[in-house]
């Protein structure tokens, strides 16, 4: 039971991190000027749910 709980807790932490990342990308895409190192085209590609391997809705 402890091993299963450990696996579950790790998956929950990973999901929370992915949700934070997705939300951050979603917010950045709406900015008229992005912080250094970010590009609108890259964000659009990452958020494109029709692309294989793209972020999926959380």
PDB file of N, CA and C in Angstrom:
ATOM      1  N   UNK A   1       0.828  -1.193   0.000  1.00  0.00           N
ATOM      2  CA  UNK A   1       0.000   0.000   0.000  1.00  0.00           C
ATOM      3  C   UNK A   1       0.870   1.253   0.000  1.00  0.00           C
ATOM      4  N   UNK A   2       1.946   1.288   0.801  1.00  0.00           N
ATOM      5  CA  UNK A   2       2.813   2.452   0.838  1.00  0.00           C
ATOM      6  C   UNK A   2       3.466   2.711  -0.519  1.00  0.00           C
ATOM      7  N   UNK A   3       3.854   1.644  -1.224  1.00  0.00           N
ATOM      8  CA  UNK A   3       4.474   1.806  -2.542  1.00  0.00           C
ATOM      9  C   UNK A   3       3.479   2.408  -3.530  1.00  0.00           C
ATOM     10  N   UNK A   4       2.245   1.933  -3.486  1.00  0.00           N
ATOM     11  CA  UNK A   4       1.212   2.466  -4.378  1.00  0.00           C
ATOM     12  C   UNK A   4       0.939   3.932  -4.061  1.00  0.00           C
ATOM     13  N   UNK A   5       0.927   4.270  -2.789  1.00  0.00           N
ATOM     14  CA  UNK A   5       0.698   5.658  -2.389  1.00  0.00           C
ATOM     15  C   UNK A   5       1.841   6.551  -2.858  1.00  0.00           C
ATOM     16  N   UNK A   6       3.064   6.044  -2.777  1.00  0.00           N
ATOM     17  CA  UNK A   6       4.236   6.790  -3.227  1.00  0.00           C
ATOM     18  C   UNK A   6       4.151   7.064  -4.737  1.00  0.00           C
ATOM     19  N   UNK A   7       3.764   6.073  -5.499  1.00  0.00           N
ATOM     20  CA  UNK A   7       3.607   6.232  -6.953  1.00  0.00           C
ATOM     21  C   UNK A   7       2.507   7.249  -7.243  1.00  0.00           C
ATOM     22  N   UNK A   8       1.401   7.139  -6.541  1.00  0.00           N
ATOM     23  CA  UNK A   8       0.279   8.070  -6.725  1.00  0.00           C
ATOM     24  C   UNK A   8       0.705   9.505  -6.400  1.00  0.00           C
ATOM     25  N   UNK A   9       1.375   9.689  -5.285  1.00  0.00           N
ATOM     26  CA  UNK A   9       1.814  11.033  -4.887  1.00  0.00           C
ATOM     27  C   UNK A   9       2.759  11.634  -5.921  1.00  0.00           C
ATOM     28  N   UNK A  10       3.638  10.820  -6.463  1.00  0.00           N
ATOM     29  CA  UNK A  10       4.548  11.305  -7.505  1.00  0.00           C
ATOM     30  C   UNK A  10       3.796  11.731  -8.755  1.00  0.00           C
ATOM     31  N   UNK A  11       2.789  10.946  -9.132  1.00  0.00           N
ATOM     32  CA  UNK A  11       1.980  11.284 -10.307  1.00  0.00           C
ATOM     33  C   UNK A  11       1.191  12.569 -10.077  1.00  0.00           C
ATOM     34  N   UNK A  12       0.677  12.759  -8.874  1.00  0.00           N
ATOM     35  CA  UNK A  12      -0.061  13.978  -8.543  1.00  0.00           C
ATOM     36  C   UNK A  12       0.867  15.194  -8.620  1.00  0.00           C
ATOM     37  N   UNK A  13       2.079  15.062  -8.111  1.00  0.00           N
ATOM     38  CA  UNK A  13       3.045  16.174  -8.183  1.00  0.00           C
ATOM     39  C   UNK A  13       3.412  16.489  -9.628  1.00  0.00           C
ATOM     40  N   UNK A  14       3.614  15.456 -10.431  1.00  0.00           N
ATOM     41  CA  UNK A  14       3.949  15.666 -11.840  1.00  0.00           C
ATOM     42  C   UNK A  14       2.799  16.366 -12.561  1.00  0.00           C
ATOM     43  N   UNK A  15       1.576  15.934 -12.316  1.00  0.00           N
ATOM     44  CA  UNK A  15       0.408  16.557 -12.938  1.00  0.00           C
ATOM     45  C   UNK A  15       0.287  18.022 -12.539  1.00  0.00           C
ATOM     46  N   UNK A  16       0.516  18.324 -11.276  1.00  0.00           N
ATOM     47  CA  UNK A  16       0.442  19.717 -10.814  1.00  0.00           C
ATOM     48  C   UNK A  16       1.491  20.569 -11.529  1.00  0.00           C
ATOM     49  N   UNK A  17       2.680  20.046 -11.712  1.00  0.00           N
ATOM     50  CA  UNK A  17       3.727  20.772 -12.420  1.00  0.00           C
ATOM     51  C   UNK A  17       3.374  21.008 -13.877  1.00  0.00           C
ATOM     52  N   UNK A  18       2.813  19.992 -14.519  1.00  0.00           N
ATOM     53  CA  UNK A  18       2.401  20.135 -15.914  1.00  0.00           C
ATOM     54  C   UNK A  18       1.274  21.157 -16.053  1.00  0.00           C
ATOM     55  N   UNK A  19       0.363  21.163 -15.104  1.00  0.00           N
ATOM     56  CA  UNK A  19      -0.724  22.154 -15.140  1.00  0.00           C
ATOM     57  C   UNK A  19      -0.182  23.567 -14.988  1.00  0.00           C
ATOM     58  N   UNK A  20       0.776  23.760 -14.076  1.00  0.00           N
ATOM     59  CA  UNK A  20       1.396  25.090 -13.899  1.00  0.00           C
ATOM     60  C   UNK A  20       2.092  25.528 -15.182  1.00  0.00           C
ATOM     61  N   UNK A  21       2.809  24.607 -15.809  1.00  0.00           N
ATOM     62  CA  UNK A  21       3.512  24.916 -17.047  1.00  0.00           C
ATOM     63  C   UNK A  21       2.533  25.281 -18.158  1.00  0.00           C
ATOM     64  N   UNK A  22       1.482  24.509 -18.305  1.00  0.00           N
ATOM     65  CA  UNK A  22       0.465  24.778 -19.325  1.00  0.00           C
ATOM     66  C   UNK A  22      -0.201  26.125 -19.089  1.00  0.00           C
ATOM     67  N   UNK A  23      -0.549  26.406 -17.856  1.00  0.00           N
ATOM     68  CA  UNK A  23      -1.188  27.684 -17.532  1.00  0.00           C
ATOM     69  C   UNK A  23      -0.234  28.842 -17.828  1.00  0.00           C
ATOM     70  N   UNK A  24       1.035  28.687 -17.502  1.00  0.00           N
ATOM     71  CA  UNK A  24       2.018  29.727 -17.780  1.00  0.00           C
ATOM     72  C   UNK A  24       2.150  29.995 -19.274  1.00  0.00           C
ATOM     73  N   UNK A  25       2.205  28.936 -20.080  1.00  0.00           N
ATOM     74  CA  UNK A  25       2.283  29.111 -21.535  1.00  0.00           C
ATOM     75  C   UNK A  25       1.029  29.780 -22.069  1.00  0.00           C
ATOM     76  N   UNK A  26      -0.120  29.366 -21.560  1.00  0.00           N
ATOM     77  CA  UNK A  26      -1.389  29.938 -21.998  1.00  0.00           C
ATOM     78  C   UNK A  26      -1.432  31.437 -21.700  1.00  0.00           C
ATOM     79  N   UNK A  27      -0.967  31.843 -20.528  1.00  0.00           N
ATOM     80  CA  UNK A  27      -0.954  33.263 -20.175  1.00  0.00           C
ATOM     81  C   UNK A  27       0.034  34.039 -21.022  1.00  0.00           C
ATOM     82  N   UNK A  28       1.196  33.466 -21.282  1.00  0.00           N
ATOM     83  CA  UNK A  28       2.211  34.146 -22.088  1.00  0.00           C
ATOM     84  C   UNK A  28       1.738  34.407 -23.513  1.00  0.00           C
ATOM     85  N   UNK A  29       0.980  33.473 -24.089  1.00  0.00           N
ATOM     86  CA  UNK A  29       0.574  33.618 -25.486  1.00  0.00           C
ATOM     87  C   UNK A  29      -0.282  34.860 -25.716  1.00  0.00           C
ATOM     88  N   UNK A  30      -0.942  35.378 -24.673  1.00  0.00           N
ATOM     89  CA  UNK A  30      -1.798  36.542 -24.817  1.00  0.00           C
ATOM     90  C   UNK A  30      -1.076  37.872 -24.651  1.00  0.00           C
ATOM     91  N   UNK A  31       0.205  37.834 -24.286  1.00  0.00           N
ATOM     92  CA  UNK A  31       0.945  39.076 -24.091  1.00  0.00           C
ATOM     93  C   UNK A  31       1.380  39.658 -25.435  1.00  0.00           C
ATOM     94  N   UNK A  32       1.267  40.976 -25.616  1.00  0.00           N
ATOM     95  CA  UNK A  32       1.717  41.573 -26.874  1.00  0.00           C
ATOM     96  C   UNK A  32       3.237  41.517 -27.030  1.00  0.00           C
ATOM     97  N   UNK A  33       3.968  41.616 -25.936  1.00  0.00           N
ATOM     98  CA  UNK A  33       5.428  41.520 -25.950  1.00  0.00           C
ATOM     99  C   UNK A  33       5.822  40.461 -24.928  1.00  0.00           C
ATOM    100  N   UNK A  34       6.588  39.495 -25.389  1.00  0.00           N
ATOM    101  CA  UNK A  34       6.990  38.392 -24.513  1.00  0.00           C
ATOM    102  C   UNK A  34       8.318  38.685 -23.835  1.00  0.00           C
ATOM    103  N   UNK A  35       8.523  38.103 -22.663  1.00  0.00           N
ATOM    104  CA  UNK A  35       9.830  38.221 -22.007  1.00  0.00           C
ATOM    105  C   UNK A  35      10.925  37.620 -22.895  1.00  0.00           C
ATOM    106  N   UNK A  36      12.147  38.044 -22.685  1.00  0.00           N
ATOM    107  CA  UNK A  36      13.280  37.543 -23.457  1.00  0.00           C
ATOM    108  C   UNK A  36      13.335  36.015 -23.387  1.00  0.00           C
ATOM    109  N   UNK A  37      13.572  35.413 -24.528  1.00  0.00           N
ATOM    110  CA  UNK A  37      13.692  33.961 -24.594  1.00  0.00           C
ATOM    111  C   UNK A  37      12.407  33.247 -24.987  1.00  0.00           C
ATOM    112  N   UNK A  38      11.308  33.968 -25.054  1.00  0.00           N
ATOM    113  CA  UNK A  38      10.029  33.374 -25.450  1.00  0.00           C
ATOM    114  C   UNK A  38       9.628  33.922 -26.815  1.00  0.00           C
ATOM    115  N   UNK A  39       8.984  33.086 -27.627  1.00  0.00           N
ATOM    116  CA  UNK A  39       8.558  33.490 -28.958  1.00  0.00           C
ATOM    117  C   UNK A  39       7.128  33.019 -29.179  1.00  0.00           C
ATOM    118  N   UNK A  40       6.303  33.895 -29.771  1.00  0.00           N
ATOM    119  CA  UNK A  40       4.893  33.559 -29.997  1.00  0.00           C
ATOM    120  C   UNK A  40       4.738  32.281 -30.818  1.00  0.00           C
ATOM    121  N   UNK A  41       5.575  32.109 -31.827  1.00  0.00           N
ATOM    122  CA  UNK A  41       5.448  30.935 -32.694  1.00  0.00           C
ATOM    123  C   UNK A  41       5.689  29.643 -31.897  1.00  0.00           C
ATOM    124  N   UNK A  42       6.712  29.653 -31.028  1.00  0.00           N
ATOM    125  CA  UNK A  42       7.008  28.461 -30.227  1.00  0.00           C
ATOM    126  C   UNK A  42       5.864  28.153 -29.254  1.00  0.00           C
ATOM    127  N   UNK A  43       5.310  29.198 -28.632  1.00  0.00           N
ATOM    128  CA  UNK A  43       4.188  28.979 -27.712  1.00  0.00           C
ATOM    129  C   UNK A  43       2.989  28.410 -28.462  1.00  0.00           C
ATOM    130  N   UNK A  44       2.693  28.973 -29.636  1.00  0.00           N
ATOM    131  CA  UNK A  44       1.557  28.492 -30.429  1.00  0.00           C
ATOM    132  C   UNK A  44       1.739  27.023 -30.808  1.00  0.00           C
ATOM    133  N   UNK A  45       2.960  26.648 -31.179  1.00  0.00           N
ATOM    134  CA  UNK A  45       3.226  25.251 -31.532  1.00  0.00           C
ATOM    135  C   UNK A  45       3.058  24.335 -30.322  1.00  0.00           C
ATOM    136  N   UNK A  46       3.543  24.757 -29.173  1.00  0.00           N
ATOM    137  CA  UNK A  46       3.441  23.930 -27.972  1.00  0.00           C
ATOM    138  C   UNK A  46       1.994  23.768 -27.518  1.00  0.00           C
ATOM    139  N   UNK A  47       1.201  24.803 -27.724  1.00  0.00           N
ATOM    140  CA  UNK A  47      -0.202  24.760 -27.284  1.00  0.00           C
ATOM    141  C   UNK A  47      -1.143  24.187 -28.339  1.00  0.00           C
ATOM    142  N   UNK A  48      -0.628  23.848 -29.518  1.00  0.00           N
ATOM    143  CA  UNK A  48      -1.430  23.291 -30.603  1.00  0.00           C
ATOM    144  C   UNK A  48      -1.791  21.837 -30.278  1.00  0.00           C
ATOM    145  N   UNK A  49      -3.034  21.613 -29.922  1.00  0.00           N
ATOM    146  CA  UNK A  49      -3.454  20.263 -29.510  1.00  0.00           C
ATOM    147  C   UNK A  49      -3.562  19.295 -30.674  1.00  0.00           C
ATOM    148  N   UNK A  50      -3.463  19.784 -31.925  1.00  0.00           N
ATOM    149  CA  UNK A  50      -3.516  18.874 -33.075  1.00  0.00           C
ATOM    150  C   UNK A  50      -2.135  18.306 -33.395  1.00  0.00           C
ATOM    151  N   UNK A  51      -1.079  18.851 -32.782  1.00  0.00           N
ATOM    152  CA  UNK A  51       0.286  18.402 -33.031  1.00  0.00           C
ATOM    153  C   UNK A  51       0.615  17.229 -32.114  1.00  0.00           C
ATOM    154  N   UNK A  52       1.234  16.217 -32.667  1.00  0.00           N
ATOM    155  CA  UNK A  52       1.634  15.060 -31.862  1.00  0.00           C
ATOM    156  C   UNK A  52       2.641  15.499 -30.805  1.00  0.00           C
ATOM    157  N   UNK A  53       2.430  15.096 -29.553  1.00  0.00           N
ATOM    158  CA  UNK A  53       3.333  15.426 -28.464  1.00  0.00           C
ATOM    159  C   UNK A  53       3.100  16.789 -27.851  1.00  0.00           C
ATOM    160  N   UNK A  54       2.081  17.504 -28.321  1.00  0.00           N
ATOM    161  CA  UNK A  54       1.801  18.833 -27.775  1.00  0.00           C
ATOM    162  C   UNK A  54       1.172  18.715 -26.400  1.00  0.00           C
ATOM    163  N   UNK A  55       1.191  19.822 -25.672  1.00  0.00           N
ATOM    164  CA  UNK A  55       0.526  19.866 -24.368  1.00  0.00           C
ATOM    165  C   UNK A  55      -0.955  19.604 -24.569  1.00  0.00           C
ATOM    166  N   UNK A  56      -1.534  18.897 -23.675  1.00  0.00           N
ATOM    167  CA  UNK A  56      -2.972  18.631 -23.711  1.00  0.00           C
ATOM    168  C   UNK A  56      -3.643  19.407 -22.610  1.00  0.00           C
ATOM    169  N   UNK A  57      -4.928  19.697 -22.774  1.00  0.00           N
ATOM    170  CA  UNK A  57      -5.686  20.437 -21.769  1.00  0.00           C
ATOM    171  C   UNK A  57      -5.598  19.794 -20.404  1.00  0.00           C
ATOM    172  N   UNK A  58      -5.550  20.626 -19.393  1.00  0.00           N
ATOM    173  CA  UNK A  58      -5.447  20.108 -18.026  1.00  0.00           C
ATOM    174  C   UNK A  58      -6.754  20.216 -17.303  1.00  0.00           C
TER     175      UNK A  58
END
